[in-house]
mmCIF file of all heavy atoms, coordinates in Angstrom:
data_MODEL
# 
_entry.id   MODEL 
# 
loop_
_atom_site.group_PDB 
_atom_site.id 
_atom_site.type_symbol 
_atom_site.label_atom_id 
_atom_site.label_alt_id 
_atom_site.label_comp_id 
_atom_site.label_asym_id 
_atom_site.label_entity_id 
_atom_site.label_seq_id 
_atom_site.pdbx_PDB_ins_code 
_atom_site.Cartn_x 
_atom_site.Cartn_y 
_atom_site.Cartn_z 
_atom_site.occupancy 
_atom_site.B_iso_or_equiv 
_atom_site.pdbx_formal_charge 
_atom_site.auth_seq_id 
_atom_site.auth_comp_id 
_atom_site.auth_asym_id 
_atom_site.auth_atom_id 
_atom_site.pdbx_PDB_model_num 
ATOM 1   N N   . ASP A 1 1  ? 0.076   75.508 -38.666 1.00 0.00 ? 1  ASP A N   1 
ATOM 2   C CA  . ASP A 1 1  ? 0.030   76.982 -38.820 1.00 0.00 ? 1  ASP A CA  1 
ATOM 3   C C   . ASP A 1 1  ? -1.038  77.765 -38.176 1.00 0.00 ? 1  ASP A C   1 
ATOM 4   O O   . ASP A 1 1  ? -1.091  78.920 -38.264 1.00 0.00 ? 1  ASP A O   1 
ATOM 5   C CB  . ASP A 1 1  ? -0.158  77.284 -40.373 1.00 0.00 ? 1  ASP A CB  1 
ATOM 6   C CG  . ASP A 1 1  ? 0.999   76.634 -41.254 1.00 0.00 ? 1  ASP A CG  1 
ATOM 7   O OD1 . ASP A 1 1  ? 2.132   76.522 -40.735 1.00 0.00 ? 1  ASP A OD1 1 
ATOM 8   O OD2 . ASP A 1 1  ? 0.672   76.288 -42.394 1.00 0.00 ? 1  ASP A OD2 1 
ATOM 9   N N   . ASN A 1 2  ? -1.909  77.082 -37.395 1.00 0.00 ? 2  ASN A N   1 
ATOM 10  C CA  . ASN A 1 2  ? -3.004  77.738 -36.841 1.00 0.00 ? 2  ASN A CA  1 
ATOM 11  C C   . ASN A 1 2  ? -2.689  78.903 -35.938 1.00 0.00 ? 2  ASN A C   1 
ATOM 12  O O   . ASN A 1 2  ? -2.054  78.754 -35.026 1.00 0.00 ? 2  ASN A O   1 
ATOM 13  C CB  . ASN A 1 2  ? -3.898  76.764 -36.057 1.00 0.00 ? 2  ASN A CB  1 
ATOM 14  C CG  . ASN A 1 2  ? -5.170  77.403 -35.429 1.00 0.00 ? 2  ASN A CG  1 
ATOM 15  O OD1 . ASN A 1 2  ? -5.802  77.976 -36.195 1.00 0.00 ? 2  ASN A OD1 1 
ATOM 16  N ND2 . ASN A 1 2  ? -5.367  77.215 -34.115 1.00 0.00 ? 2  ASN A ND2 1 
ATOM 17  N N   . ALA A 1 3  ? -3.143  80.123 -36.336 1.00 0.00 ? 3  ALA A N   1 
ATOM 18  C CA  . ALA A 1 3  ? -3.029  81.282 -35.530 1.00 0.00 ? 3  ALA A CA  1 
ATOM 19  C C   . ALA A 1 3  ? -3.881  82.420 -36.222 1.00 0.00 ? 3  ALA A C   1 
ATOM 20  O O   . ALA A 1 3  ? -4.465  82.166 -37.306 1.00 0.00 ? 3  ALA A O   1 
ATOM 21  C CB  . ALA A 1 3  ? -1.571  81.723 -35.564 1.00 0.00 ? 3  ALA A CB  1 
ATOM 22  N N   . ASN A 1 4  ? -4.101  83.457 -35.487 1.00 0.00 ? 4  ASN A N   1 
ATOM 23  C CA  . ASN A 1 4  ? -4.907  84.493 -36.121 1.00 0.00 ? 4  ASN A CA  1 
ATOM 24  C C   . ASN A 1 4  ? -4.053  85.302 -37.086 1.00 0.00 ? 4  ASN A C   1 
ATOM 25  O O   . ASN A 1 4  ? -2.850  85.307 -37.093 1.00 0.00 ? 4  ASN A O   1 
ATOM 26  C CB  . ASN A 1 4  ? -5.422  85.469 -35.051 1.00 0.00 ? 4  ASN A CB  1 
ATOM 27  C CG  . ASN A 1 4  ? -6.795  85.960 -35.410 1.00 0.00 ? 4  ASN A CG  1 
ATOM 28  O OD1 . ASN A 1 4  ? -7.126  86.126 -36.663 1.00 0.00 ? 4  ASN A OD1 1 
ATOM 29  N ND2 . ASN A 1 4  ? -7.709  86.152 -34.415 1.00 0.00 ? 4  ASN A ND2 1 
ATOM 30  N N   . VAL A 1 5  ? -4.820  85.928 -38.093 1.00 0.00 ? 5  VAL A N   1 
ATOM 31  C CA  . VAL A 1 5  ? -4.101  86.529 -39.228 1.00 0.00 ? 5  VAL A CA  1 
ATOM 32  C C   . VAL A 1 5  ? -3.976  88.058 -38.999 1.00 0.00 ? 5  VAL A C   1 
ATOM 33  O O   . VAL A 1 5  ? -4.768  88.661 -38.251 1.00 0.00 ? 5  VAL A O   1 
ATOM 34  C CB  . VAL A 1 5  ? -4.783  86.265 -40.469 1.00 0.00 ? 5  VAL A CB  1 
ATOM 35  C CG1 . VAL A 1 5  ? -4.712  84.799 -40.886 1.00 0.00 ? 5  VAL A CG1 1 
ATOM 36  C CG2 . VAL A 1 5  ? -6.207  86.737 -40.479 1.00 0.00 ? 5  VAL A CG2 1 
ATOM 37  N N   . HIS A 1 6  ? -2.987  88.612 -39.601 1.00 0.00 ? 6  HIS A N   1 
ATOM 38  C CA  . HIS A 1 6  ? -2.717  90.071 -39.818 1.00 0.00 ? 6  HIS A CA  1 
ATOM 39  C C   . HIS A 1 6  ? -2.378  90.793 -38.509 1.00 0.00 ? 6  HIS A C   1 
ATOM 40  O O   . HIS A 1 6  ? -2.076  91.967 -38.491 1.00 0.00 ? 6  HIS A O   1 
ATOM 41  C CB  . HIS A 1 6  ? -3.994  90.802 -40.359 1.00 0.00 ? 6  HIS A CB  1 
ATOM 42  C CG  . HIS A 1 6  ? -4.472  90.218 -41.712 1.00 0.00 ? 6  HIS A CG  1 
ATOM 43  N ND1 . HIS A 1 6  ? -5.818  90.025 -41.972 1.00 0.00 ? 6  HIS A ND1 1 
ATOM 44  C CD2 . HIS A 1 6  ? -3.747  89.950 -42.781 1.00 0.00 ? 6  HIS A CD2 1 
ATOM 45  C CE1 . HIS A 1 6  ? -5.904  89.494 -43.225 1.00 0.00 ? 6  HIS A CE1 1 
ATOM 46  N NE2 . HIS A 1 6  ? -4.673  89.475 -43.761 1.00 0.00 ? 6  HIS A NE2 1 
ATOM 47  N N   . ARG A 1 7  ? -2.486  90.102 -37.374 1.00 0.00 ? 7  ARG A N   1 
ATOM 48  C CA  . ARG A 1 7  ? -2.328  90.820 -36.078 1.00 0.00 ? 7  ARG A CA  1 
ATOM 49  C C   . ARG A 1 7  ? -1.097  90.387 -35.239 1.00 0.00 ? 7  ARG A C   1 
ATOM 50  O O   . ARG A 1 7  ? -0.996  90.865 -34.107 1.00 0.00 ? 7  ARG A O   1 
ATOM 51  C CB  . ARG A 1 7  ? -3.645  90.631 -35.321 1.00 0.00 ? 7  ARG A CB  1 
ATOM 52  C CG  . ARG A 1 7  ? -4.841  91.125 -36.062 1.00 0.00 ? 7  ARG A CG  1 
ATOM 53  C CD  . ARG A 1 7  ? -6.152  90.683 -35.378 1.00 0.00 ? 7  ARG A CD  1 
ATOM 54  N NE  . ARG A 1 7  ? -7.275  90.794 -36.222 1.00 0.00 ? 7  ARG A NE  1 
ATOM 55  C CZ  . ARG A 1 7  ? -8.523  90.358 -35.989 1.00 0.00 ? 7  ARG A CZ  1 
ATOM 56  N NH1 . ARG A 1 7  ? -8.768  89.789 -34.855 1.00 0.00 ? 7  ARG A NH1 1 
ATOM 57  N NH2 . ARG A 1 7  ? -9.486  90.460 -36.840 1.00 0.00 ? 7  ARG A NH2 1 
ATOM 58  N N   . GLY A 1 8  ? -0.431  89.456 -35.730 1.00 0.00 ? 8  GLY A N   1 
ATOM 59  C CA  . GLY A 1 8  ? 0.661   89.007 -34.950 1.00 0.00 ? 8  GLY A CA  1 
ATOM 60  C C   . GLY A 1 8  ? 2.020   89.094 -35.637 1.00 0.00 ? 8  GLY A C   1 
ATOM 61  O O   . GLY A 1 8  ? 2.098   89.018 -36.904 1.00 0.00 ? 8  GLY A O   1 
ATOM 62  N N   . VAL A 1 9  ? 3.100   89.110 -34.925 1.00 0.00 ? 9  VAL A N   1 
ATOM 63  C CA  . VAL A 1 9  ? 4.434   89.113 -35.433 1.00 0.00 ? 9  VAL A CA  1 
ATOM 64  C C   . VAL A 1 9  ? 5.140   87.828 -35.272 1.00 0.00 ? 9  VAL A C   1 
ATOM 65  O O   . VAL A 1 9  ? 6.300   87.700 -35.715 1.00 0.00 ? 9  VAL A O   1 
ATOM 66  C CB  . VAL A 1 9  ? 5.296   90.350 -34.930 1.00 0.00 ? 9  VAL A CB  1 
ATOM 67  C CG1 . VAL A 1 9  ? 4.672   91.591 -35.418 1.00 0.00 ? 9  VAL A CG1 1 
ATOM 68  C CG2 . VAL A 1 9  ? 5.394   90.136 -33.387 1.00 0.00 ? 9  VAL A CG2 1 
ATOM 69  N N   . HIS A 1 10 ? 4.515   86.865 -34.617 1.00 0.00 ? 10 HIS A N   1 
ATOM 70  C CA  . HIS A 1 10 ? 5.188   85.554 -34.351 1.00 0.00 ? 10 HIS A CA  1 
ATOM 71  C C   . HIS A 1 10 ? 5.076   84.674 -35.606 1.00 0.00 ? 10 HIS A C   1 
ATOM 72  O O   . HIS A 1 10 ? 4.215   84.955 -36.505 1.00 0.00 ? 10 HIS A O   1 
ATOM 73  C CB  . HIS A 1 10 ? 4.624   84.867 -33.118 1.00 0.00 ? 10 HIS A CB  1 
ATOM 74  C CG  . HIS A 1 10 ? 3.262   84.637 -33.186 1.00 0.00 ? 10 HIS A CG  1 
ATOM 75  N ND1 . HIS A 1 10 ? 2.586   83.527 -33.737 1.00 0.00 ? 10 HIS A ND1 1 
ATOM 76  C CD2 . HIS A 1 10 ? 2.123   85.301 -32.528 1.00 0.00 ? 10 HIS A CD2 1 
ATOM 77  C CE1 . HIS A 1 10 ? 1.319   83.557 -33.622 1.00 0.00 ? 10 HIS A CE1 1 
ATOM 78  N NE2 . HIS A 1 10 ? 1.014   84.599 -32.931 1.00 0.00 ? 10 HIS A NE2 1 
ATOM 79  N N   . ALA A 1 11 ? 5.838   83.711 -35.648 1.00 0.00 ? 11 ALA A N   1 
ATOM 80  C CA  . ALA A 1 11 ? 5.967   82.829 -36.832 1.00 0.00 ? 11 ALA A CA  1 
ATOM 81  C C   . ALA A 1 11 ? 4.626   82.241 -37.327 1.00 0.00 ? 11 ALA A C   1 
ATOM 82  O O   . ALA A 1 11 ? 4.387   82.252 -38.493 1.00 0.00 ? 11 ALA A O   1 
ATOM 83  C CB  . ALA A 1 11 ? 6.984   81.809 -36.669 1.00 0.00 ? 11 ALA A CB  1 
ATOM 84  N N   . LEU A 1 12 ? 3.840   81.643 -36.336 1.00 0.00 ? 12 LEU A N   1 
ATOM 85  C CA  . LEU A 1 12 ? 2.619   81.081 -36.712 1.00 0.00 ? 12 LEU A CA  1 
ATOM 86  C C   . LEU A 1 12 ? 1.702   82.029 -37.368 1.00 0.00 ? 12 LEU A C   1 
ATOM 87  O O   . LEU A 1 12 ? 0.934   81.710 -38.344 1.00 0.00 ? 12 LEU A O   1 
ATOM 88  C CB  . LEU A 1 12 ? 2.051   80.362 -35.570 1.00 0.00 ? 12 LEU A CB  1 
ATOM 89  C CG  . LEU A 1 12 ? 2.340   78.800 -35.426 1.00 0.00 ? 12 LEU A CG  1 
ATOM 90  C CD1 . LEU A 1 12 ? 3.840   78.586 -35.231 1.00 0.00 ? 12 LEU A CD1 1 
ATOM 91  C CD2 . LEU A 1 12 ? 1.537   78.165 -34.263 1.00 0.00 ? 12 LEU A CD2 1 
ATOM 92  N N   . SER A 1 13 ? 1.567   83.259 -36.775 1.00 0.00 ? 13 SER A N   1 
ATOM 93  C CA  . SER A 1 13 ? 0.629   84.213 -37.316 1.00 0.00 ? 13 SER A CA  1 
ATOM 94  C C   . SER A 1 13 ? 1.123   84.667 -38.723 1.00 0.00 ? 13 SER A C   1 
ATOM 95  O O   . SER A 1 13 ? 0.267   84.874 -39.586 1.00 0.00 ? 13 SER A O   1 
ATOM 96  C CB  . SER A 1 13 ? 0.555   85.427 -36.461 1.00 0.00 ? 13 SER A CB  1 
ATOM 97  O OG  . SER A 1 13 ? -0.216  86.464 -36.973 1.00 0.00 ? 13 SER A OG  1 
ATOM 98  N N   . GLU A 1 14 ? 2.381   84.802 -38.961 1.00 0.00 ? 14 GLU A N   1 
ATOM 99  C CA  . GLU A 1 14 ? 2.884   85.120 -40.205 1.00 0.00 ? 14 GLU A CA  1 
ATOM 100 C C   . GLU A 1 14 ? 2.656   84.095 -41.273 1.00 0.00 ? 14 GLU A C   1 
ATOM 101 O O   . GLU A 1 14 ? 2.159   84.291 -42.464 1.00 0.00 ? 14 GLU A O   1 
ATOM 102 C CB  . GLU A 1 14 ? 4.379   85.455 -40.223 1.00 0.00 ? 14 GLU A CB  1 
ATOM 103 C CG  . GLU A 1 14 ? 4.697   86.762 -39.424 1.00 0.00 ? 14 GLU A CG  1 
ATOM 104 C CD  . GLU A 1 14 ? 6.167   87.096 -39.461 1.00 0.00 ? 14 GLU A CD  1 
ATOM 105 O OE1 . GLU A 1 14 ? 6.971   86.152 -39.823 1.00 0.00 ? 14 GLU A OE1 1 
ATOM 106 O OE2 . GLU A 1 14 ? 6.494   88.184 -38.962 1.00 0.00 ? 14 GLU A OE2 1 
ATOM 107 N N   . ARG A 1 15 ? 2.706   82.770 -40.884 1.00 0.00 ? 15 ARG A N   1 
ATOM 108 C CA  . ARG A 1 15 ? 2.436   81.654 -41.705 1.00 0.00 ? 15 ARG A CA  1 
ATOM 109 C C   . ARG A 1 15 ? 0.928   81.563 -42.017 1.00 0.00 ? 15 ARG A C   1 
ATOM 110 O O   . ARG A 1 15 ? 0.477   81.394 -43.175 1.00 0.00 ? 15 ARG A O   1 
ATOM 111 C CB  . ARG A 1 15 ? 2.819   80.374 -41.199 1.00 0.00 ? 15 ARG A CB  1 
ATOM 112 C CG  . ARG A 1 15 ? 4.413   80.169 -41.131 1.00 0.00 ? 15 ARG A CG  1 
ATOM 113 C CD  . ARG A 1 15 ? 4.922   78.800 -41.272 1.00 0.00 ? 15 ARG A CD  1 
ATOM 114 N NE  . ARG A 1 15 ? 4.238   77.914 -40.194 1.00 0.00 ? 15 ARG A NE  1 
ATOM 115 C CZ  . ARG A 1 15 ? 4.946   77.444 -39.120 1.00 0.00 ? 15 ARG A CZ  1 
ATOM 116 N NH1 . ARG A 1 15 ? 6.148   77.769 -38.776 1.00 0.00 ? 15 ARG A NH1 1 
ATOM 117 N NH2 . ARG A 1 15 ? 4.236   76.587 -38.330 1.00 0.00 ? 15 ARG A NH2 1 
ATOM 118 N N   . ALA A 1 16 ? 0.093   81.808 -41.036 1.00 0.00 ? 16 ALA A N   1 
ATOM 119 C CA  . ALA A 1 16 ? -1.344  81.817 -41.217 1.00 0.00 ? 16 ALA A CA  1 
ATOM 120 C C   . ALA A 1 16 ? -1.717  82.948 -42.136 1.00 0.00 ? 16 ALA A C   1 
ATOM 121 O O   . ALA A 1 16 ? -2.612  82.768 -43.094 1.00 0.00 ? 16 ALA A O   1 
ATOM 122 C CB  . ALA A 1 16 ? -2.043  81.962 -39.873 1.00 0.00 ? 16 ALA A CB  1 
ATOM 123 N N   . THR A 1 17 ? -1.224  84.049 -41.847 1.00 0.00 ? 17 THR A N   1 
ATOM 124 C CA  . THR A 1 17 ? -1.502  85.253 -42.739 1.00 0.00 ? 17 THR A CA  1 
ATOM 125 C C   . THR A 1 17 ? -1.078  84.944 -44.248 1.00 0.00 ? 17 THR A C   1 
ATOM 126 O O   . THR A 1 17 ? -1.920  85.291 -45.205 1.00 0.00 ? 17 THR A O   1 
ATOM 127 C CB  . THR A 1 17 ? -0.755  86.530 -42.295 1.00 0.00 ? 17 THR A CB  1 
ATOM 128 O OG1 . THR A 1 17 ? -1.227  86.806 -40.973 1.00 0.00 ? 17 THR A OG1 1 
ATOM 129 C CG2 . THR A 1 17 ? -1.015  87.685 -43.211 1.00 0.00 ? 17 THR A CG2 1 
ATOM 130 N N   . GLU A 1 18 ? 0.055   84.431 -44.484 1.00 0.00 ? 18 GLU A N   1 
ATOM 131 C CA  . GLU A 1 18 ? 0.493   83.978 -45.807 1.00 0.00 ? 18 GLU A CA  1 
ATOM 132 C C   . GLU A 1 18 ? -0.420  82.992 -46.485 1.00 0.00 ? 18 GLU A C   1 
ATOM 133 O O   . GLU A 1 18 ? -0.906  83.117 -47.661 1.00 0.00 ? 18 GLU A O   1 
ATOM 134 C CB  . GLU A 1 18 ? 1.899   83.597 -45.879 1.00 0.00 ? 18 GLU A CB  1 
ATOM 135 C CG  . GLU A 1 18 ? 2.376   83.058 -47.159 1.00 0.00 ? 18 GLU A CG  1 
ATOM 136 C CD  . GLU A 1 18 ? 2.170   84.087 -48.318 1.00 0.00 ? 18 GLU A CD  1 
ATOM 137 O OE1 . GLU A 1 18 ? 2.233   85.311 -48.032 1.00 0.00 ? 18 GLU A OE1 1 
ATOM 138 O OE2 . GLU A 1 18 ? 1.985   83.595 -49.473 1.00 0.00 ? 18 GLU A OE2 1 
ATOM 139 N N   . ALA A 1 19 ? -0.930  82.104 -45.652 1.00 0.00 ? 19 ALA A N   1 
ATOM 140 C CA  . ALA A 1 19 ? -1.806  81.018 -46.163 1.00 0.00 ? 19 ALA A CA  1 
ATOM 141 C C   . ALA A 1 19 ? -3.178  81.636 -46.545 1.00 0.00 ? 19 ALA A C   1 
ATOM 142 O O   . ALA A 1 19 ? -3.762  81.395 -47.643 1.00 0.00 ? 19 ALA A O   1 
ATOM 143 C CB  . ALA A 1 19 ? -2.037  79.876 -45.185 1.00 0.00 ? 19 ALA A CB  1 
ATOM 144 N N   . TYR A 1 20 ? -3.705  82.546 -45.668 1.00 0.00 ? 20 TYR A N   1 
ATOM 145 C CA  . TYR A 1 20 ? -4.874  83.202 -45.983 1.00 0.00 ? 20 TYR A CA  1 
ATOM 146 C C   . TYR A 1 20 ? -4.852  84.111 -47.200 1.00 0.00 ? 20 TYR A C   1 
ATOM 147 O O   . TYR A 1 20 ? -5.722  84.097 -48.053 1.00 0.00 ? 20 TYR A O   1 
ATOM 148 C CB  . TYR A 1 20 ? -5.272  84.054 -44.737 1.00 0.00 ? 20 TYR A CB  1 
ATOM 149 C CG  . TYR A 1 20 ? -6.633  84.683 -44.712 1.00 0.00 ? 20 TYR A CG  1 
ATOM 150 C CD1 . TYR A 1 20 ? -7.847  83.951 -44.816 1.00 0.00 ? 20 TYR A CD1 1 
ATOM 151 C CD2 . TYR A 1 20 ? -6.725  86.136 -44.707 1.00 0.00 ? 20 TYR A CD2 1 
ATOM 152 C CE1 . TYR A 1 20 ? -9.080  84.566 -44.777 1.00 0.00 ? 20 TYR A CE1 1 
ATOM 153 C CE2 . TYR A 1 20 ? -7.986  86.728 -44.768 1.00 0.00 ? 20 TYR A CE2 1 
ATOM 154 C CZ  . TYR A 1 20 ? -9.116  85.957 -44.787 1.00 0.00 ? 20 TYR A CZ  1 
ATOM 155 O OH  . TYR A 1 20 ? -10.378 86.492 -44.800 1.00 0.00 ? 20 TYR A OH  1 
ATOM 156 N N   . GLU A 1 21 ? -3.845  84.955 -47.269 1.00 0.00 ? 21 GLU A N   1 
ATOM 157 C CA  . GLU A 1 21 ? -3.676  85.872 -48.397 1.00 0.00 ? 21 GLU A CA  1 
ATOM 158 C C   . GLU A 1 21 ? -3.344  85.118 -49.668 1.00 0.00 ? 21 GLU A C   1 
ATOM 159 O O   . GLU A 1 21 ? -3.655  85.594 -50.784 1.00 0.00 ? 21 GLU A O   1 
ATOM 160 C CB  . GLU A 1 21 ? -2.771  86.999 -48.094 1.00 0.00 ? 21 GLU A CB  1 
ATOM 161 C CG  . GLU A 1 21 ? -3.178  87.955 -46.923 1.00 0.00 ? 21 GLU A CG  1 
ATOM 162 C CD  . GLU A 1 21 ? -4.595  88.601 -47.312 1.00 0.00 ? 21 GLU A CD  1 
ATOM 163 O OE1 . GLU A 1 21 ? -4.915  88.770 -48.526 1.00 0.00 ? 21 GLU A OE1 1 
ATOM 164 O OE2 . GLU A 1 21 ? -5.399  88.878 -46.345 1.00 0.00 ? 21 GLU A OE2 1 
ATOM 165 N N   . GLY A 1 22 ? -2.604  84.040 -49.522 1.00 0.00 ? 22 GLY A N   1 
ATOM 166 C CA  . GLY A 1 22 ? -2.245  83.201 -50.617 1.00 0.00 ? 22 GLY A CA  1 
ATOM 167 C C   . GLY A 1 22 ? -3.544  82.569 -51.155 1.00 0.00 ? 22 GLY A C   1 
ATOM 168 O O   . GLY A 1 22 ? -3.733  82.484 -52.353 1.00 0.00 ? 22 GLY A O   1 
ATOM 169 N N   . ALA A 1 23 ? -4.451  82.239 -50.315 1.00 0.00 ? 23 ALA A N   1 
ATOM 170 C CA  . ALA A 1 23 ? -5.808  81.699 -50.746 1.00 0.00 ? 23 ALA A CA  1 
ATOM 171 C C   . ALA A 1 23 ? -6.537  82.796 -51.518 1.00 0.00 ? 23 ALA A C   1 
ATOM 172 O O   . ALA A 1 23 ? -7.236  82.508 -52.581 1.00 0.00 ? 23 ALA A O   1 
ATOM 173 C CB  . ALA A 1 23 ? -6.584  81.199 -49.609 1.00 0.00 ? 23 ALA A CB  1 
ATOM 174 N N   . ARG A 1 24 ? -6.492  84.017 -51.100 1.00 0.00 ? 24 ARG A N   1 
ATOM 175 C CA  . ARG A 1 24 ? -7.131  85.080 -51.865 1.00 0.00 ? 24 ARG A CA  1 
ATOM 176 C C   . ARG A 1 24 ? -6.584  85.231 -53.189 1.00 0.00 ? 24 ARG A C   1 
ATOM 177 O O   . ARG A 1 24 ? -7.274  85.429 -54.237 1.00 0.00 ? 24 ARG A O   1 
ATOM 178 C CB  . ARG A 1 24 ? -6.907  86.412 -51.035 1.00 0.00 ? 24 ARG A CB  1 
ATOM 179 C CG  . ARG A 1 24 ? -7.867  87.518 -51.569 1.00 0.00 ? 24 ARG A CG  1 
ATOM 180 C CD  . ARG A 1 24 ? -7.585  88.953 -50.972 1.00 0.00 ? 24 ARG A CD  1 
ATOM 181 N NE  . ARG A 1 24 ? -7.510  88.858 -49.517 1.00 0.00 ? 24 ARG A NE  1 
ATOM 182 C CZ  . ARG A 1 24 ? -8.468  88.984 -48.679 1.00 0.00 ? 24 ARG A CZ  1 
ATOM 183 N NH1 . ARG A 1 24 ? -9.697  89.055 -49.177 1.00 0.00 ? 24 ARG A NH1 1 
ATOM 184 N NH2 . ARG A 1 24 ? -8.285  88.980 -47.389 1.00 0.00 ? 24 ARG A NH2 1 
# 
């Protein structure tokens, strides 16, 4: 899932964002 969060519309960025916000 490695990608930057909140700033991309591609699949990896969306998965990374969900993982990060899920951690929150």
